[in-house]
């Protein structure tokens, strides 16, 4: 009787350990790859007294192809040089509320690969998410705050649509 009980306990323990080991192996092999975070600079925005004069100054003195929003820098993506990428440069009026709740005179826009996934991670990490994800033709946007009160814009770009918008506006990129 003791021998039979010992065999049942050994069998049950072996089964339980095998199940636990299999669960651990399955979980580690089913883990999703880590979410890509920032992939580049999407834009640089700053406050100034007269955005129109500022755009003109940069156009005349530094050769930026400016438009009503600032300038767009065109470049090739490192992972696939057949694909274009864009970085926006924009002076804003010094009274703009767009940078709020930050009191800083600048805001940086970072390009990201998976905005929803990144926002989920940021929320879990206690990062302040200022608004909800907004989707437009040329990408998705959300704003967060860093630990020193700088508002940051995150952009999951759709570069093809962004380029089409620029062409529609008659805007030239700075290369």
N, C-alpha and C. Protein backbone atom coordinates (compact mmCIF):
# COMPACT_ATOMS: atom_id res chain seq x y z
N UNK A 1 0.82 -1.20 0.00
CA UNK A 1 0.00 0.00 0.00
C UNK A 1 0.87 1.26 0.00
N UNK A 2 1.92 1.26 0.86
CA UNK A 2 2.82 2.40 0.90
C UNK A 2 3.53 2.58 -0.43
N UNK A 3 3.89 1.45 -1.05
CA UNK A 3 4.59 1.51 -2.33
C UNK A 3 3.68 2.13 -3.40
N UNK A 4 2.42 1.73 -3.41
CA UNK A 4 1.45 2.26 -4.37
C UNK A 4 1.24 3.76 -4.14
N UNK A 5 1.12 4.16 -2.90
CA UNK A 5 0.95 5.58 -2.57
C UNK A 5 2.18 6.39 -2.98
N UNK A 6 3.35 5.82 -2.74
CA UNK A 6 4.60 6.48 -3.11
C UNK A 6 4.69 6.65 -4.63
N UNK A 7 4.26 5.66 -5.39
CA UNK A 7 4.27 5.74 -6.86
C UNK A 7 3.29 6.82 -7.33
N UNK A 8 2.11 6.87 -6.73
CA UNK A 8 1.12 7.88 -7.11
C UNK A 8 1.64 9.28 -6.81
N UNK A 9 2.24 9.48 -5.64
CA UNK A 9 2.79 10.78 -5.26
C UNK A 9 3.93 11.16 -6.22
N UNK A 10 4.82 10.20 -6.52
CA UNK A 10 5.94 10.46 -7.44
C UNK A 10 5.41 10.81 -8.83
N UNK A 11 4.42 10.07 -9.31
CA UNK A 11 3.84 10.34 -10.62
C UNK A 11 3.19 11.73 -10.66
N UNK A 12 2.42 12.04 -9.62
CA UNK A 12 1.75 13.34 -9.54
C UNK A 12 2.77 14.47 -9.49
N UNK A 13 3.82 14.31 -8.68
CA UNK A 13 4.86 15.33 -8.56
C UNK A 13 5.60 15.51 -9.89
N UNK A 14 5.91 14.40 -10.57
CA UNK A 14 6.58 14.47 -11.87
C UNK A 14 5.70 15.21 -12.87
N UNK A 15 4.41 14.87 -12.90
CA UNK A 15 3.48 15.53 -13.81
C UNK A 15 3.40 17.02 -13.52
N UNK A 16 3.28 17.39 -12.24
CA UNK A 16 3.17 18.80 -11.85
C UNK A 16 4.43 19.57 -12.22
N UNK A 17 5.60 18.99 -11.96
CA UNK A 17 6.85 19.66 -12.31
C UNK A 17 7.00 19.81 -13.82
N UNK A 18 6.61 18.76 -14.54
CA UNK A 18 6.66 18.84 -16.01
C UNK A 18 5.73 19.91 -16.54
N UNK A 19 4.55 20.00 -16.00
CA UNK A 19 3.58 21.03 -16.41
C UNK A 19 4.12 22.42 -16.11
N UNK A 20 4.69 22.60 -14.91
CA UNK A 20 5.24 23.91 -14.52
C UNK A 20 6.40 24.29 -15.44
N UNK A 21 7.29 23.33 -15.74
CA UNK A 21 8.43 23.59 -16.61
C UNK A 21 7.95 23.97 -18.01
N UNK A 22 6.98 23.24 -18.52
CA UNK A 22 6.42 23.53 -19.84
C UNK A 22 5.79 24.92 -19.88
N UNK A 23 5.10 25.31 -18.81
CA UNK A 23 4.49 26.64 -18.74
C UNK A 23 5.55 27.73 -18.79
N UNK A 24 6.63 27.52 -18.07
CA UNK A 24 7.72 28.52 -18.05
C UNK A 24 8.34 28.63 -19.44
N UNK A 25 8.61 27.51 -20.07
CA UNK A 25 9.21 27.51 -21.41
C UNK A 25 8.26 28.17 -22.41
N UNK A 26 6.98 27.84 -22.35
CA UNK A 26 6.00 28.42 -23.27
C UNK A 26 5.90 29.91 -23.10
N UNK A 27 5.89 30.40 -21.85
CA UNK A 27 5.78 31.84 -21.61
C UNK A 27 6.99 32.57 -22.16
N UNK A 28 8.20 32.03 -21.96
CA UNK A 28 9.38 32.73 -22.44
C UNK A 28 9.47 32.71 -23.95
N UNK A 29 8.99 31.67 -24.61
CA UNK A 29 9.07 31.62 -26.07
C UNK A 29 7.92 32.40 -26.72
N UNK A 30 6.83 32.66 -25.98
CA UNK A 30 5.71 33.42 -26.53
C UNK A 30 5.82 34.90 -26.23
N UNK A 31 6.86 35.31 -25.52
CA UNK A 31 7.00 36.73 -25.23
C UNK A 31 7.13 37.51 -26.53
N UNK A 32 6.43 38.60 -26.60
CA UNK A 32 6.52 39.46 -27.76
C UNK A 32 7.85 40.19 -27.73
N UNK A 33 8.38 40.52 -28.90
CA UNK A 33 9.63 41.28 -28.88
C UNK A 33 9.38 42.64 -28.22
N UNK A 34 10.41 43.22 -27.63
CA UNK A 34 10.20 44.50 -26.97
C UNK A 34 9.73 45.56 -27.96
N UNK A 35 8.91 46.47 -27.45
CA UNK A 35 8.37 47.55 -28.29
C UNK A 35 9.51 48.51 -28.62
N UNK A 36 9.61 48.84 -29.90
CA UNK A 36 10.58 49.87 -30.27
C UNK A 36 10.09 51.17 -29.66
N UNK A 37 11.00 51.89 -29.14
CA UNK A 37 10.61 53.15 -28.52
C UNK A 37 10.88 54.26 -29.52
N UNK A 38 11.70 55.20 -29.21
CA UNK A 38 11.99 56.30 -30.13
C UNK A 38 12.87 55.80 -31.27
N UNK A 39 12.49 56.17 -32.50
CA UNK A 39 13.28 55.79 -33.67
C UNK A 39 13.97 56.99 -34.32
N UNK A 40 13.67 58.20 -33.84
CA UNK A 40 14.31 59.39 -34.39
C UNK A 40 13.61 60.65 -33.93
N UNK A 41 14.12 61.77 -34.39
CA UNK A 41 13.52 63.07 -34.09
C UNK A 41 12.48 63.37 -35.17
N UNK A 42 11.26 63.61 -34.75
CA UNK A 42 10.18 63.93 -35.69
C UNK A 42 10.00 65.42 -35.88
N UNK A 43 10.42 66.21 -34.89
CA UNK A 43 10.27 67.65 -35.02
C UNK A 43 10.86 68.40 -33.86
N UNK A 44 11.16 69.64 -34.13
CA UNK A 44 11.65 70.57 -33.11
C UNK A 44 10.77 71.80 -33.20
N UNK A 45 10.13 72.12 -32.07
CA UNK A 45 9.20 73.24 -32.02
C UNK A 45 9.67 74.20 -30.93
N UNK A 46 9.63 75.50 -31.21
CA UNK A 46 10.08 76.47 -30.22
C UNK A 46 9.26 77.75 -30.33
N UNK A 47 9.21 78.47 -29.21
CA UNK A 47 8.48 79.73 -29.16
C UNK A 47 9.39 80.87 -29.59
N UNK A 48 8.78 81.86 -30.23
CA UNK A 48 9.51 83.07 -30.62
C UNK A 48 8.51 84.22 -30.73
N UNK A 49 9.01 85.45 -30.78
CA UNK A 49 8.11 86.61 -30.83
C UNK A 49 7.38 86.73 -32.16
N UNK A 50 8.07 86.42 -33.27
CA UNK A 50 7.47 86.60 -34.59
C UNK A 50 7.82 85.40 -35.48
N UNK A 51 6.97 84.37 -35.50
CA UNK A 51 7.27 83.17 -36.29
C UNK A 51 7.53 83.46 -37.77
N UNK A 52 6.77 84.39 -38.35
CA UNK A 52 6.96 84.70 -39.78
C UNK A 52 8.37 85.25 -40.03
N UNK A 53 8.78 86.20 -39.21
CA UNK A 53 10.14 86.75 -39.36
C UNK A 53 11.19 85.68 -39.10
N UNK A 54 10.93 84.81 -38.14
CA UNK A 54 11.87 83.75 -37.82
C UNK A 54 12.02 82.80 -39.02
N UNK A 55 10.91 82.42 -39.65
CA UNK A 55 10.98 81.54 -40.83
C UNK A 55 11.76 82.22 -41.95
N UNK A 56 11.48 83.52 -42.15
CA UNK A 56 12.19 84.27 -43.20
C UNK A 56 13.69 84.33 -42.92
N UNK A 57 14.06 84.58 -41.66
CA UNK A 57 15.47 84.67 -41.30
C UNK A 57 16.18 83.35 -41.60
N UNK A 58 15.57 82.23 -41.20
CA UNK A 58 16.17 80.92 -41.45
C UNK A 58 16.23 80.60 -42.95
N UNK A 59 15.24 81.06 -43.69
CA UNK A 59 15.25 80.83 -45.13
C UNK A 59 16.39 81.61 -45.79
N UNK A 60 16.51 82.90 -45.47
CA UNK A 60 17.53 83.75 -46.07
C UNK A 60 18.94 83.36 -45.62
N UNK A 61 19.11 83.17 -44.32
CA UNK A 61 20.45 82.99 -43.77
C UNK A 61 20.94 81.54 -43.73
N UNK A 62 20.04 80.60 -43.58
CA UNK A 62 20.46 79.20 -43.47
C UNK A 62 19.90 78.30 -44.57
N UNK A 63 19.13 78.89 -45.50
CA UNK A 63 18.68 78.14 -46.67
C UNK A 63 17.55 77.15 -46.43
N UNK A 64 16.83 77.25 -45.33
CA UNK A 64 15.71 76.35 -45.11
C UNK A 64 14.59 76.67 -46.09
N UNK A 65 13.99 75.65 -46.65
CA UNK A 65 12.79 75.83 -47.49
C UNK A 65 11.61 75.91 -46.54
N UNK A 66 11.20 77.12 -46.23
CA UNK A 66 10.15 77.31 -45.23
C UNK A 66 8.78 77.39 -45.87
N UNK A 67 7.78 77.10 -45.05
CA UNK A 67 6.38 77.24 -45.44
C UNK A 67 5.65 77.84 -44.24
N UNK A 68 4.34 77.89 -44.28
CA UNK A 68 3.57 78.53 -43.20
C UNK A 68 3.74 77.85 -41.84
N UNK A 69 4.24 76.60 -41.82
CA UNK A 69 4.41 75.87 -40.57
C UNK A 69 5.86 75.82 -40.10
N UNK A 70 6.78 76.19 -40.95
CA UNK A 70 8.20 76.10 -40.62
C UNK A 70 8.97 75.52 -41.78
N UNK A 71 9.63 74.40 -41.55
CA UNK A 71 10.39 73.72 -42.60
C UNK A 71 10.32 72.22 -42.35
N UNK A 72 10.49 71.46 -43.42
CA UNK A 72 10.51 70.00 -43.32
C UNK A 72 11.84 69.52 -43.87
N UNK A 73 12.55 68.75 -43.06
CA UNK A 73 13.79 68.14 -43.50
C UNK A 73 13.48 66.74 -44.01
N UNK A 74 13.95 66.45 -45.20
CA UNK A 74 13.74 65.14 -45.81
C UNK A 74 15.04 64.35 -45.71
N UNK A 75 14.92 63.08 -45.37
CA UNK A 75 16.10 62.23 -45.25
C UNK A 75 15.71 60.81 -45.60
N UNK A 76 16.67 59.92 -45.68
CA UNK A 76 16.44 58.51 -45.98
C UNK A 76 16.56 57.69 -44.71
N UNK A 77 15.68 56.72 -44.57
CA UNK A 77 15.67 55.91 -43.35
C UNK A 77 16.82 54.91 -43.37
N UNK A 78 17.49 54.78 -42.24
CA UNK A 78 18.65 53.92 -42.12
C UNK A 78 18.35 52.45 -42.35
N UNK A 79 17.22 51.98 -41.85
CA UNK A 79 16.88 50.56 -41.99
C UNK A 79 16.51 50.21 -43.43
N UNK A 80 16.03 51.18 -44.20
CA UNK A 80 15.65 50.96 -45.59
C UNK A 80 15.82 52.28 -46.33
N UNK A 81 16.94 52.44 -47.00
CA UNK A 81 17.27 53.72 -47.64
C UNK A 81 16.38 54.04 -48.84
N UNK A 82 15.50 53.12 -49.23
CA UNK A 82 14.54 53.45 -50.28
C UNK A 82 13.37 54.24 -49.71
N UNK A 83 13.25 54.26 -48.37
CA UNK A 83 12.14 54.94 -47.70
C UNK A 83 12.58 56.32 -47.20
N UNK A 84 11.74 57.32 -47.46
CA UNK A 84 12.00 58.66 -46.97
C UNK A 84 11.51 58.80 -45.53
N UNK A 85 12.09 59.75 -44.82
CA UNK A 85 11.62 60.14 -43.50
C UNK A 85 11.62 61.66 -43.45
N UNK A 86 10.91 62.22 -42.49
CA UNK A 86 10.78 63.67 -42.40
C UNK A 86 10.90 64.15 -40.96
N UNK A 87 11.49 65.32 -40.80
CA UNK A 87 11.58 65.97 -39.51
C UNK A 87 11.06 67.39 -39.68
N UNK A 88 10.13 67.78 -38.84
CA UNK A 88 9.49 69.10 -38.90
C UNK A 88 10.23 70.08 -37.99
N UNK A 89 10.43 71.29 -38.48
CA UNK A 89 11.02 72.39 -37.71
C UNK A 89 10.00 73.51 -37.71
N UNK A 90 9.53 73.93 -36.52
CA UNK A 90 8.44 74.92 -36.47
C UNK A 90 8.62 75.95 -35.36
N UNK A 91 8.71 77.23 -35.74
CA UNK A 91 8.63 78.28 -34.74
C UNK A 91 7.16 78.59 -34.44
N UNK A 92 6.84 78.74 -33.17
CA UNK A 92 5.49 79.07 -32.71
C UNK A 92 5.52 80.44 -32.07
N UNK A 93 4.40 81.14 -32.09
CA UNK A 93 4.29 82.41 -31.39
C UNK A 93 4.53 82.22 -29.90
N UNK A 94 5.10 83.23 -29.25
CA UNK A 94 5.45 83.10 -27.83
C UNK A 94 4.23 83.00 -26.91
N UNK A 95 3.05 83.26 -27.42
CA UNK A 95 1.82 83.14 -26.62
C UNK A 95 1.09 81.81 -26.84
N UNK A 96 1.67 80.91 -27.64
CA UNK A 96 1.00 79.65 -27.94
C UNK A 96 0.69 78.87 -26.67
N UNK A 97 -0.40 78.18 -26.71
CA UNK A 97 -0.79 77.30 -25.59
C UNK A 97 -0.49 75.83 -25.95
N UNK A 98 0.05 75.62 -27.14
CA UNK A 98 0.27 74.26 -27.64
C UNK A 98 1.26 73.48 -26.78
N UNK A 99 2.18 74.16 -26.12
CA UNK A 99 3.19 73.46 -25.31
C UNK A 99 2.69 73.16 -23.90
N UNK A 100 1.53 73.70 -23.53
CA UNK A 100 1.00 73.48 -22.17
C UNK A 100 0.64 72.02 -21.96
N UNK A 101 0.79 71.49 -20.77
CA UNK A 101 0.99 72.19 -19.51
C UNK A 101 2.45 72.58 -19.23
N UNK A 102 3.37 72.31 -20.15
CA UNK A 102 4.75 72.72 -19.96
C UNK A 102 4.85 74.25 -20.02
N UNK A 103 5.77 74.80 -19.27
CA UNK A 103 6.03 76.24 -19.32
C UNK A 103 7.30 76.52 -20.11
N UNK A 104 7.86 75.51 -20.74
CA UNK A 104 9.11 75.65 -21.49
C UNK A 104 8.85 76.30 -22.85
N UNK A 105 9.92 76.81 -23.43
CA UNK A 105 9.83 77.50 -24.73
C UNK A 105 10.08 76.58 -25.91
N UNK A 106 10.13 75.28 -25.68
CA UNK A 106 10.40 74.34 -26.76
C UNK A 106 9.63 73.04 -26.53
N UNK A 107 9.53 72.26 -27.58
CA UNK A 107 8.96 70.92 -27.48
C UNK A 107 9.63 70.08 -28.56
N UNK A 108 9.98 68.86 -28.22
CA UNK A 108 10.57 67.95 -29.19
C UNK A 108 9.54 66.88 -29.53
N UNK A 109 9.47 66.56 -30.81
CA UNK A 109 8.62 65.49 -31.31
C UNK A 109 9.53 64.32 -31.64
N UNK A 110 9.21 63.16 -31.07
CA UNK A 110 9.98 61.95 -31.35
C UNK A 110 9.18 61.00 -32.21
N UNK A 111 9.82 60.43 -33.21
CA UNK A 111 9.22 59.40 -34.06
C UNK A 111 9.25 58.08 -33.30
N UNK A 112 8.14 57.33 -33.33
CA UNK A 112 8.07 56.03 -32.68
C UNK A 112 7.46 55.02 -33.66
N UNK A 113 7.67 53.74 -33.38
CA UNK A 113 7.21 52.69 -34.30
C UNK A 113 5.84 52.12 -33.93
N UNK A 114 5.48 52.12 -32.65
CA UNK A 114 4.23 51.50 -32.21
C UNK A 114 3.68 52.35 -31.07
N UNK A 115 2.94 53.38 -31.41
CA UNK A 115 2.48 54.34 -30.41
C UNK A 115 1.60 53.71 -29.34
N UNK A 116 0.63 52.88 -29.73
CA UNK A 116 -0.27 52.29 -28.74
C UNK A 116 0.51 51.44 -27.73
N UNK A 117 1.39 50.59 -28.24
CA UNK A 117 2.19 49.75 -27.35
C UNK A 117 3.08 50.55 -26.44
N UNK A 118 3.68 51.60 -26.98
CA UNK A 118 4.56 52.44 -26.17
C UNK A 118 3.76 53.18 -25.10
N UNK A 119 2.59 53.70 -25.44
CA UNK A 119 1.76 54.40 -24.45
C UNK A 119 1.36 53.44 -23.32
N UNK A 120 1.03 52.20 -23.67
CA UNK A 120 0.71 51.21 -22.62
C UNK A 120 1.89 51.03 -21.67
N UNK A 121 3.09 50.90 -22.22
CA UNK A 121 4.29 50.75 -21.39
C UNK A 121 4.52 51.99 -20.53
N UNK A 122 4.35 53.16 -21.13
CA UNK A 122 4.58 54.41 -20.39
C UNK A 122 3.60 54.54 -19.23
N UNK A 123 2.33 54.20 -19.47
CA UNK A 123 1.33 54.25 -18.40
C UNK A 123 1.73 53.34 -17.24
N UNK A 124 2.16 52.12 -17.57
CA UNK A 124 2.59 51.17 -16.54
C UNK A 124 3.78 51.71 -15.76
N UNK A 125 4.62 52.51 -16.42
CA UNK A 125 5.79 53.09 -15.77
C UNK A 125 5.50 54.39 -15.03
N UNK A 126 4.24 54.82 -15.03
CA UNK A 126 3.87 56.02 -14.30
C UNK A 126 4.14 57.33 -15.02
N UNK A 127 4.41 57.27 -16.33
CA UNK A 127 4.65 58.49 -17.11
C UNK A 127 3.33 59.23 -17.30
N UNK A 128 3.37 60.55 -17.20
CA UNK A 128 2.17 61.37 -17.38
C UNK A 128 1.83 61.44 -18.87
N UNK A 129 0.65 60.95 -19.21
CA UNK A 129 0.14 61.03 -20.58
C UNK A 129 -0.81 62.21 -20.59
N UNK A 130 -0.52 63.22 -21.39
CA UNK A 130 -1.26 64.48 -21.37
C UNK A 130 -2.63 64.36 -22.04
N UNK A 131 -2.71 63.60 -23.12
CA UNK A 131 -3.96 63.51 -23.88
C UNK A 131 -4.13 62.10 -24.43
N UNK A 132 -5.10 61.92 -25.28
CA UNK A 132 -5.32 60.61 -25.89
C UNK A 132 -4.67 60.59 -27.27
N UNK A 133 -4.46 59.40 -27.78
CA UNK A 133 -3.86 59.25 -29.11
C UNK A 133 -4.80 59.83 -30.15
N UNK A 134 -4.25 60.69 -30.99
CA UNK A 134 -5.00 61.29 -32.09
C UNK A 134 -4.46 60.73 -33.40
N UNK A 135 -5.37 60.27 -34.27
CA UNK A 135 -4.98 59.72 -35.57
C UNK A 135 -5.38 60.69 -36.67
N UNK A 136 -4.43 60.97 -37.55
CA UNK A 136 -4.67 61.77 -38.75
C UNK A 136 -4.06 61.01 -39.93
N UNK A 137 -4.24 61.53 -41.14
CA UNK A 137 -3.76 60.81 -42.33
C UNK A 137 -2.27 60.51 -42.23
N UNK A 138 -1.50 61.43 -41.73
CA UNK A 138 -0.04 61.29 -41.75
C UNK A 138 0.55 60.73 -40.45
N UNK A 139 -0.30 60.14 -39.60
CA UNK A 139 0.23 59.45 -38.43
C UNK A 139 -0.64 59.57 -37.20
N UNK A 140 -0.07 59.10 -36.11
CA UNK A 140 -0.74 59.14 -34.81
C UNK A 140 0.13 59.95 -33.85
N UNK A 141 -0.54 60.69 -32.95
CA UNK A 141 0.16 61.57 -32.03
C UNK A 141 -0.37 61.41 -30.61
N UNK A 142 0.50 61.65 -29.65
CA UNK A 142 0.12 61.78 -28.25
C UNK A 142 1.19 62.62 -27.57
N UNK A 143 0.83 63.25 -26.47
CA UNK A 143 1.77 64.08 -25.71
C UNK A 143 1.98 63.50 -24.32
N UNK A 144 3.23 63.55 -23.87
CA UNK A 144 3.59 63.10 -22.54
C UNK A 144 4.44 64.18 -21.87
N UNK A 145 4.69 64.02 -20.58
CA UNK A 145 5.55 64.94 -19.84
C UNK A 145 6.75 64.18 -19.33
N UNK A 146 7.94 64.80 -19.43
CA UNK A 146 9.11 64.17 -18.83
C UNK A 146 9.23 64.59 -17.37
N UNK A 147 10.25 64.14 -16.69
CA UNK A 147 10.36 64.38 -15.25
C UNK A 147 10.69 65.82 -14.89
N UNK A 148 11.06 66.66 -15.88
CA UNK A 148 11.33 68.07 -15.59
C UNK A 148 10.26 68.99 -16.15
N UNK A 149 9.12 68.42 -16.54
CA UNK A 149 8.00 69.25 -17.00
C UNK A 149 8.07 69.65 -18.46
N UNK A 150 8.88 68.97 -19.25
CA UNK A 150 8.93 69.23 -20.69
C UNK A 150 7.85 68.40 -21.38
N UNK A 151 7.02 69.07 -22.16
CA UNK A 151 6.01 68.35 -22.93
C UNK A 151 6.71 67.74 -24.14
N UNK A 152 6.43 66.48 -24.40
CA UNK A 152 7.02 65.75 -25.50
C UNK A 152 5.90 65.24 -26.39
N UNK A 153 6.09 65.39 -27.69
CA UNK A 153 5.12 64.87 -28.64
C UNK A 153 5.68 63.57 -29.22
N UNK A 154 4.88 62.51 -29.19
CA UNK A 154 5.25 61.24 -29.80
C UNK A 154 4.44 61.08 -31.07
N UNK A 155 5.12 60.68 -32.14
CA UNK A 155 4.49 60.59 -33.47
C UNK A 155 4.82 59.24 -34.10
N UNK A 156 3.80 58.49 -34.41
CA UNK A 156 3.97 57.29 -35.24
C UNK A 156 3.64 57.73 -36.66
N UNK A 157 4.67 58.02 -37.46
CA UNK A 157 4.43 58.65 -38.76
C UNK A 157 3.92 57.71 -39.83
N UNK A 158 3.18 58.28 -40.76
CA UNK A 158 2.86 57.67 -42.04
C UNK A 158 3.54 58.59 -43.04
N UNK A 159 4.81 58.29 -43.34
CA UNK A 159 5.62 59.19 -44.16
C UNK A 159 5.08 59.37 -45.58
N UNK A 160 4.44 58.34 -46.13
CA UNK A 160 3.88 58.49 -47.48
C UNK A 160 2.79 59.56 -47.49
N UNK A 161 1.90 59.52 -46.51
CA UNK A 161 0.82 60.52 -46.44
C UNK A 161 1.37 61.89 -46.05
N UNK A 162 2.40 61.92 -45.22
CA UNK A 162 3.02 63.19 -44.83
C UNK A 162 3.60 63.87 -46.07
N UNK A 163 4.27 63.10 -46.91
CA UNK A 163 4.84 63.66 -48.14
C UNK A 163 3.74 64.15 -49.07
N UNK A 164 2.65 63.39 -49.20
CA UNK A 164 1.53 63.80 -50.06
C UNK A 164 0.95 65.13 -49.58
N UNK A 165 0.83 65.29 -48.26
CA UNK A 165 0.30 66.53 -47.71
C UNK A 165 1.21 67.72 -48.08
N UNK A 166 2.51 67.52 -47.97
CA UNK A 166 3.45 68.57 -48.34
C UNK A 166 3.35 68.94 -49.81
N UNK A 167 3.23 67.95 -50.67
CA UNK A 167 3.10 68.19 -52.10
C UNK A 167 1.81 68.97 -52.37
N UNK A 168 0.73 68.57 -51.70
CA UNK A 168 -0.58 69.24 -51.86
C UNK A 168 -0.49 70.71 -51.46
N UNK A 169 0.31 70.99 -50.42
CA UNK A 169 0.49 72.38 -49.94
C UNK A 169 1.46 73.17 -50.82
N UNK A 170 2.18 72.45 -51.68
CA UNK A 170 3.20 73.12 -52.50
C UNK A 170 4.48 73.38 -51.71
N UNK A 171 4.65 72.68 -50.60
CA UNK A 171 5.83 72.88 -49.75
C UNK A 171 7.02 72.10 -50.30
N UNK A 172 8.19 72.69 -50.20
CA UNK A 172 9.43 72.03 -50.60
C UNK A 172 10.16 71.60 -49.34
N UNK A 173 10.80 70.44 -49.42
CA UNK A 173 11.57 69.98 -48.26
C UNK A 173 12.98 70.52 -48.32
N UNK A 174 13.63 70.56 -47.18
CA UNK A 174 15.04 70.91 -47.10
C UNK A 174 15.79 69.58 -47.05
N UNK A 175 16.72 69.41 -47.98
CA UNK A 175 17.46 68.14 -48.05
C UNK A 175 18.91 68.37 -47.70
